[in-house]
Amino acid sequence: MIEVTNFEEQVLAASHDKPVLVDFWAPWCGPCRQLGPILEKLDEEDGRFTLAKLNTDEDQATAMRYNIRSIPAVKLFVNGEVADEFLGALPEPRVRQWLKDALPSESKRLLEDASALIDGGDSKTAAAMLEQALEVEPDNADALSMLANLVVFSEPERAFDLAKHASRLDASKYSASQGIETIVDLLARLDSAGTLPDDPAKAPYIEALSKLGAGDLDGTLAGLIDSVRRNKRYNDDAARLAAVALFNVLGTRHPLTQKHRRALEMALF
């Protein structure tokens, strides 16, 4: 822990080498005295940041520069800029969670790079980066879920396990996990699809499953939507559920989701 006497050097410049957590406080502030020991404890436990305490009574110019109107105020500086912040005397568990989310890490960098690669269409390199992220942080729910989406067609059983693990760690991943499970189930039923009851919706549904097995997702979605258009209730609504599962796996920004979602909505009405 350091007492700030030169903000430019001790915080802004230093944050290019290591994140600096600045506690804006004052001796007369009761909540500051509650939060201070928590920050100092975390500083001793976690070597990923430097704790810097700035007395706002003694450095009002810096407090005004960073619009400090209420204390305690905590700001995390990374590369000379405020990366995250919070106000008030939060309890220790919430400060710990905030730090976990706010501090940069190798796994976060890999996830950001992987996400950019996925958006750019380079899934192979993205998958390799996600594998690296999971070596660093095996219980990273975002990495688990993203990797499950990338390998669901090449390694369906592994994708199922990855997605389930992610949903156990983070409830917000449940919908994506269900989508993976639906796709894995569809892939397992490819060989028995011919035994389904005869119906105008059967042929496009079987064709869609065949294209799914071949990795043709555009054709898969087109076939599923054609099946829904012919009989939306065929095979217990399987075509619609499969299309929605694919949308969940691909994500809302994926070109195929944007291309086919409206068509599915029109087929249902």
Protein backbone atom coordinates (compact mmCIF):
# COMPACT_ATOMS: atom_id res chain seq x y z
CA MET A 1 0.00 0.00 0.00
CA ILE A 2 1.17 3.49 -0.79
CA GLU A 3 0.05 6.96 0.28
CA VAL A 4 -0.30 9.04 -2.87
CA THR A 5 1.89 12.13 -2.96
CA ASN A 6 2.53 12.23 -6.70
CA PHE A 7 -0.52 11.04 -8.63
CA GLU A 8 1.06 11.25 -12.06
CA GLU A 9 3.98 9.05 -11.09
CA GLN A 10 2.54 6.72 -8.43
CA VAL A 11 -0.79 6.04 -10.17
CA LEU A 12 -0.93 6.99 -13.84
CA ALA A 13 2.61 6.04 -14.81
CA ALA A 14 2.74 3.03 -12.48
CA SER A 15 -0.53 1.63 -13.85
CA HIS A 16 1.19 0.93 -17.17
CA ASP A 17 3.22 -1.75 -15.38
CA LYS A 18 0.63 -2.97 -12.87
CA PRO A 19 -3.01 -2.03 -12.13
CA VAL A 20 -3.34 0.58 -9.37
CA LEU A 21 -6.41 0.59 -7.12
CA VAL A 22 -6.96 4.08 -5.73
CA ASP A 23 -8.95 4.53 -2.54
CA PHE A 24 -10.18 8.15 -2.41
CA TRP A 25 -10.82 8.75 1.29
CA ALA A 26 -10.61 11.24 4.17
CA PRO A 27 -9.86 10.77 7.90
CA TRP A 28 -13.25 12.10 9.00
CA CYS A 29 -15.20 9.66 6.76
CA GLY A 30 -16.73 6.79 8.75
CA PRO A 31 -17.51 4.54 5.72
CA CYS A 32 -13.91 5.10 4.57
CA ARG A 33 -12.67 3.59 7.83
CA GLN A 34 -14.91 0.57 7.21
CA LEU A 35 -13.76 0.01 3.63
CA GLY A 36 -10.06 0.74 4.14
CA PRO A 37 -9.17 -2.43 6.10
CA ILE A 38 -11.00 -4.56 3.49
CA LEU A 39 -8.95 -3.07 0.66
CA GLU A 40 -5.74 -3.44 2.67
CA LYS A 41 -6.54 -7.09 3.38
CA LEU A 42 -7.16 -7.80 -0.31
CA ASP A 43 -3.99 -5.93 -1.20
CA GLU A 44 -2.00 -8.27 1.04
CA GLU A 45 -3.69 -11.36 -0.44
CA ASP A 46 -3.63 -10.43 -4.13
CA GLY A 47 -0.42 -9.34 -5.80
CA ARG A 48 -2.07 -8.39 -9.09
CA PHE A 49 -2.61 -4.74 -8.12
CA THR A 50 -1.12 -1.93 -6.06
CA LEU A 51 -3.33 -0.25 -3.46
CA ALA A 52 -2.92 3.53 -3.36
CA LYS A 53 -4.71 5.72 -0.81
CA LEU A 54 -5.42 9.34 -1.71
CA ASN A 55 -6.55 11.73 1.04
CA THR A 56 -9.07 13.98 -0.70
CA ASP A 57 -8.63 16.70 1.92
CA GLU A 58 -4.94 16.95 1.06
CA ASP A 59 -5.28 16.57 -2.74
CA GLN A 60 -8.51 18.29 -3.68
CA ALA A 61 -7.26 19.05 -7.18
CA THR A 62 -6.98 15.34 -8.07
CA ALA A 63 -10.32 14.62 -6.41
CA MET A 64 -11.94 17.29 -8.57
CA ARG A 65 -10.12 16.02 -11.66
CA TYR A 66 -11.75 12.61 -11.21
CA ASN A 67 -15.12 14.05 -10.18
CA ILE A 68 -15.00 12.70 -6.62
CA ARG A 69 -18.20 14.01 -5.02
CA SER A 70 -18.73 11.26 -2.47
CA ILE A 71 -16.32 9.08 -0.52
CA PRO A 72 -15.18 6.40 -0.23
CA ALA A 73 -14.67 6.17 -3.99
CA VAL A 74 -12.51 3.43 -5.49
CA LYS A 75 -11.10 3.55 -9.00
CA LEU A 76 -8.97 0.95 -10.77
CA PHE A 77 -6.37 2.46 -13.10
CA VAL A 78 -4.95 0.39 -15.96
CA ASN A 79 -2.57 1.89 -18.53
CA GLY A 80 -3.20 5.37 -17.21
CA GLU A 81 -6.99 5.19 -17.51
CA VAL A 82 -9.87 4.36 -15.16
CA ALA A 83 -10.81 0.75 -16.01
CA ASP A 84 -13.56 0.33 -13.38
CA GLU A 85 -14.82 1.92 -10.17
CA PHE A 86 -17.34 1.77 -7.34
CA LEU A 87 -18.70 4.07 -4.63
CA GLY A 88 -19.40 3.44 -0.97
CA ALA A 89 -18.30 0.97 1.67
CA LEU A 90 -19.16 -2.33 0.02
CA PRO A 91 -18.95 -5.52 2.11
CA GLU A 92 -15.90 -7.72 1.57
CA PRO A 93 -17.60 -10.39 -0.60
CA ARG A 94 -18.83 -7.73 -3.03
CA VAL A 95 -15.41 -6.07 -3.18
CA ARG A 96 -13.82 -9.45 -3.90
CA GLN A 97 -16.25 -10.11 -6.74
CA TRP A 98 -15.76 -6.60 -8.11
CA LEU A 99 -11.98 -7.11 -8.12
CA LYS A 100 -12.34 -10.47 -9.82
CA ASP A 101 -14.41 -8.91 -12.59
CA ALA A 102 -12.40 -5.68 -12.90
CA LEU A 103 -8.78 -6.82 -12.80
CA PRO A 104 -7.21 -7.71 -16.14
CA SER A 105 -6.01 -11.29 -16.49
CA GLU A 106 -4.48 -13.60 -19.06
CA SER A 107 -7.71 -15.57 -19.40
CA LYS A 108 -9.73 -12.38 -20.00
CA ARG A 109 -7.29 -11.27 -22.70
CA LEU A 110 -7.54 -14.65 -24.39
CA LEU A 111 -11.34 -14.53 -24.25
CA GLU A 112 -11.42 -11.06 -25.79
CA ASP A 113 -9.06 -12.15 -28.57
CA ALA A 114 -11.05 -15.35 -29.15
CA SER A 115 -14.31 -13.41 -29.36
CA ALA A 116 -12.83 -11.08 -31.96
CA LEU A 117 -11.58 -14.07 -33.98
CA ILE A 118 -15.02 -15.71 -33.86
CA ASP A 119 -16.60 -12.50 -35.13
CA GLY A 120 -14.01 -12.50 -37.89
CA GLY A 121 -14.76 -16.10 -38.85
CA ASP A 122 -11.55 -17.72 -37.56
CA SER A 123 -13.06 -20.33 -35.28
CA LYS A 124 -10.03 -22.63 -35.35
CA THR A 125 -7.64 -20.07 -33.86
CA ALA A 126 -10.36 -18.93 -31.46
CA ALA A 127 -10.79 -22.48 -30.17
CA ALA A 128 -7.04 -22.77 -29.54
CA MET A 129 -7.11 -19.54 -27.53
CA LEU A 130 -10.07 -20.76 -25.48
CA GLU A 131 -8.17 -23.96 -24.72
CA GLN A 132 -5.33 -21.77 -23.41
CA ALA A 133 -7.76 -19.73 -21.33
CA LEU A 134 -9.11 -22.89 -19.70
CA GLU A 135 -5.58 -24.03 -18.87
CA VAL A 136 -5.15 -20.75 -16.98
CA GLU A 137 -8.65 -20.76 -15.46
CA PRO A 138 -10.44 -24.15 -15.77
CA ASP A 139 -13.69 -22.87 -14.25
CA ASN A 140 -14.12 -19.86 -16.52
CA ALA A 141 -17.78 -20.20 -17.53
CA ASP A 142 -17.46 -17.86 -20.52
CA ALA A 143 -14.56 -19.83 -21.97
CA LEU A 144 -16.33 -23.15 -21.37
CA SER A 145 -19.51 -21.96 -23.08
CA MET A 146 -17.72 -20.37 -26.04
CA LEU A 147 -15.59 -23.47 -26.62
CA ALA A 148 -18.66 -25.72 -26.41
CA ASN A 149 -20.27 -23.72 -29.20
CA LEU A 150 -17.18 -24.09 -31.38
CA VAL A 151 -16.69 -27.85 -30.96
CA VAL A 152 -20.32 -29.02 -30.82
CA PHE A 153 -20.21 -30.40 -34.38
CA SER A 154 -16.73 -31.92 -34.23
CA GLU A 155 -16.80 -33.13 -30.59
CA PRO A 156 -20.47 -33.23 -29.54
CA GLU A 157 -19.96 -35.22 -26.34
CA ARG A 158 -17.21 -32.90 -25.16
CA ALA A 159 -19.34 -29.88 -26.07
CA PHE A 160 -22.15 -31.30 -23.95
CA ASP A 161 -19.84 -31.67 -20.96
CA LEU A 162 -18.34 -28.19 -21.41
CA ALA A 163 -21.76 -26.56 -21.66
CA LYS A 164 -23.10 -28.39 -18.60
CA HIS A 165 -20.05 -27.36 -16.58
CA ALA A 166 -20.54 -23.74 -17.68
CA SER A 167 -24.21 -23.72 -16.67
CA ARG A 168 -23.37 -25.14 -13.25
CA LEU A 169 -20.88 -22.33 -12.69
CA ASP A 170 -23.06 -19.57 -14.12
CA ALA A 171 -26.85 -19.81 -14.33
CA SER A 172 -26.90 -17.35 -17.24
CA LYS A 173 -25.30 -20.07 -19.39
CA TYR A 174 -28.28 -22.41 -18.95
CA SER A 175 -30.03 -21.42 -22.19
CA ALA A 176 -26.85 -21.94 -24.22
CA SER A 177 -26.33 -25.28 -22.49
CA GLN A 178 -29.83 -26.38 -23.46
CA GLY A 179 -29.10 -25.40 -27.05
CA ILE A 180 -25.95 -27.51 -27.08
CA GLU A 181 -27.86 -30.44 -25.58
CA THR A 182 -30.53 -30.19 -28.29
CA ILE A 183 -27.95 -30.18 -31.07
CA VAL A 184 -26.03 -33.11 -29.57
CA ASP A 185 -29.29 -35.03 -29.34
CA LEU A 186 -30.11 -34.24 -32.96
CA LEU A 187 -26.71 -35.42 -34.13
CA ALA A 188 -27.24 -38.68 -32.22
CA ARG A 189 -30.58 -39.22 -33.99
CA LEU A 190 -29.32 -38.84 -37.55
CA ASP A 191 -29.35 -42.57 -38.31
CA SER A 192 -32.89 -43.12 -37.02
CA ALA A 193 -34.51 -40.07 -38.62
CA GLY A 194 -35.94 -42.19 -41.46
CA THR A 195 -38.27 -44.00 -39.03
CA LEU A 196 -40.21 -40.81 -38.23
CA PRO A 197 -43.92 -40.72 -39.23
CA ASP A 198 -44.74 -39.70 -42.80
CA ASP A 199 -45.73 -36.06 -43.16
CA PRO A 200 -45.06 -33.17 -45.57
CA ALA A 201 -42.67 -31.83 -42.92
CA LYS A 202 -40.62 -35.04 -42.77
CA ALA A 203 -38.49 -34.68 -45.91
CA PRO A 204 -37.16 -31.16 -45.17
CA TYR A 205 -36.60 -32.15 -41.54
CA ILE A 206 -34.49 -35.19 -42.51
CA GLU A 207 -32.64 -33.11 -45.09
CA ALA A 208 -31.90 -30.52 -42.39
CA LEU A 209 -30.49 -33.16 -40.06
CA SER A 210 -28.32 -34.49 -42.86
CA LYS A 211 -26.91 -31.03 -43.51
CA LEU A 212 -26.37 -30.55 -39.77
CA GLY A 213 -24.22 -33.68 -39.72
CA ALA A 214 -22.23 -32.30 -42.66
CA GLY A 215 -21.73 -28.95 -40.91
CA ASP A 216 -23.89 -26.98 -43.36
CA LEU A 217 -25.66 -24.73 -40.86
CA ASP A 218 -27.17 -22.44 -43.48
CA GLY A 219 -28.81 -25.41 -45.17
CA THR A 220 -29.78 -26.89 -41.82
CA LEU A 221 -31.66 -23.78 -40.75
CA ALA A 222 -33.33 -23.42 -44.14
CA GLY A 223 -34.53 -27.03 -43.96
CA LEU A 224 -35.76 -26.74 -40.39
CA ILE A 225 -37.72 -23.61 -41.22
CA ASP A 226 -39.22 -25.31 -44.30
CA SER A 227 -40.28 -28.20 -42.05
CA VAL A 228 -41.91 -25.76 -39.60
CA ARG A 229 -43.66 -24.04 -42.50
CA ARG A 230 -45.17 -27.37 -43.64
CA ASN A 231 -46.22 -28.56 -40.16
CA LYS A 232 -45.10 -26.62 -37.11
CA ARG A 233 -46.19 -29.39 -34.73
CA TYR A 234 -44.44 -32.25 -36.52
CA ASN A 235 -42.37 -34.57 -34.31
CA ASP A 236 -43.29 -32.67 -31.14
CA ASP A 237 -42.17 -29.28 -32.48
CA ALA A 238 -38.67 -30.67 -33.09
CA ALA A 239 -37.80 -28.47 -36.08
CA ARG A 240 -38.59 -25.21 -34.30
CA LEU A 241 -36.74 -26.30 -31.16
CA ALA A 242 -33.71 -27.29 -33.24
CA ALA A 243 -33.67 -23.94 -35.05
CA VAL A 244 -33.89 -22.03 -31.76
CA ALA A 245 -31.10 -24.17 -30.33
CA LEU A 246 -28.88 -23.28 -33.29
CA PHE A 247 -29.66 -19.59 -32.84
CA ASN A 248 -28.64 -19.87 -29.19
CA VAL A 249 -25.36 -21.55 -30.09
CA LEU A 250 -24.53 -19.17 -32.93
CA GLY A 251 -25.51 -16.05 -30.98
CA THR A 252 -27.73 -13.15 -31.93
CA ARG A 253 -25.02 -11.34 -33.93
CA HIS A 254 -24.14 -14.29 -36.17
CA PRO A 255 -25.06 -13.69 -39.84
CA LEU A 256 -26.99 -17.00 -40.02
CA THR A 257 -29.08 -16.07 -36.98
CA GLN A 258 -29.86 -12.70 -38.51
CA LYS A 259 -30.64 -14.33 -41.85
CA HIS A 260 -33.00 -17.05 -40.60
CA ARG A 261 -34.63 -15.81 -37.38
CA ARG A 262 -37.20 -13.67 -39.18
CA ALA A 263 -37.99 -16.54 -41.55
CA LEU A 264 -38.70 -18.82 -38.59
CA GLU A 265 -40.99 -16.22 -37.03
CA MET A 266 -42.92 -15.94 -40.31
CA ALA A 267 -43.19 -19.73 -40.62
CA LEU A 268 -44.80 -19.93 -37.20
CA PHE A 269 -47.59 -17.51 -38.02
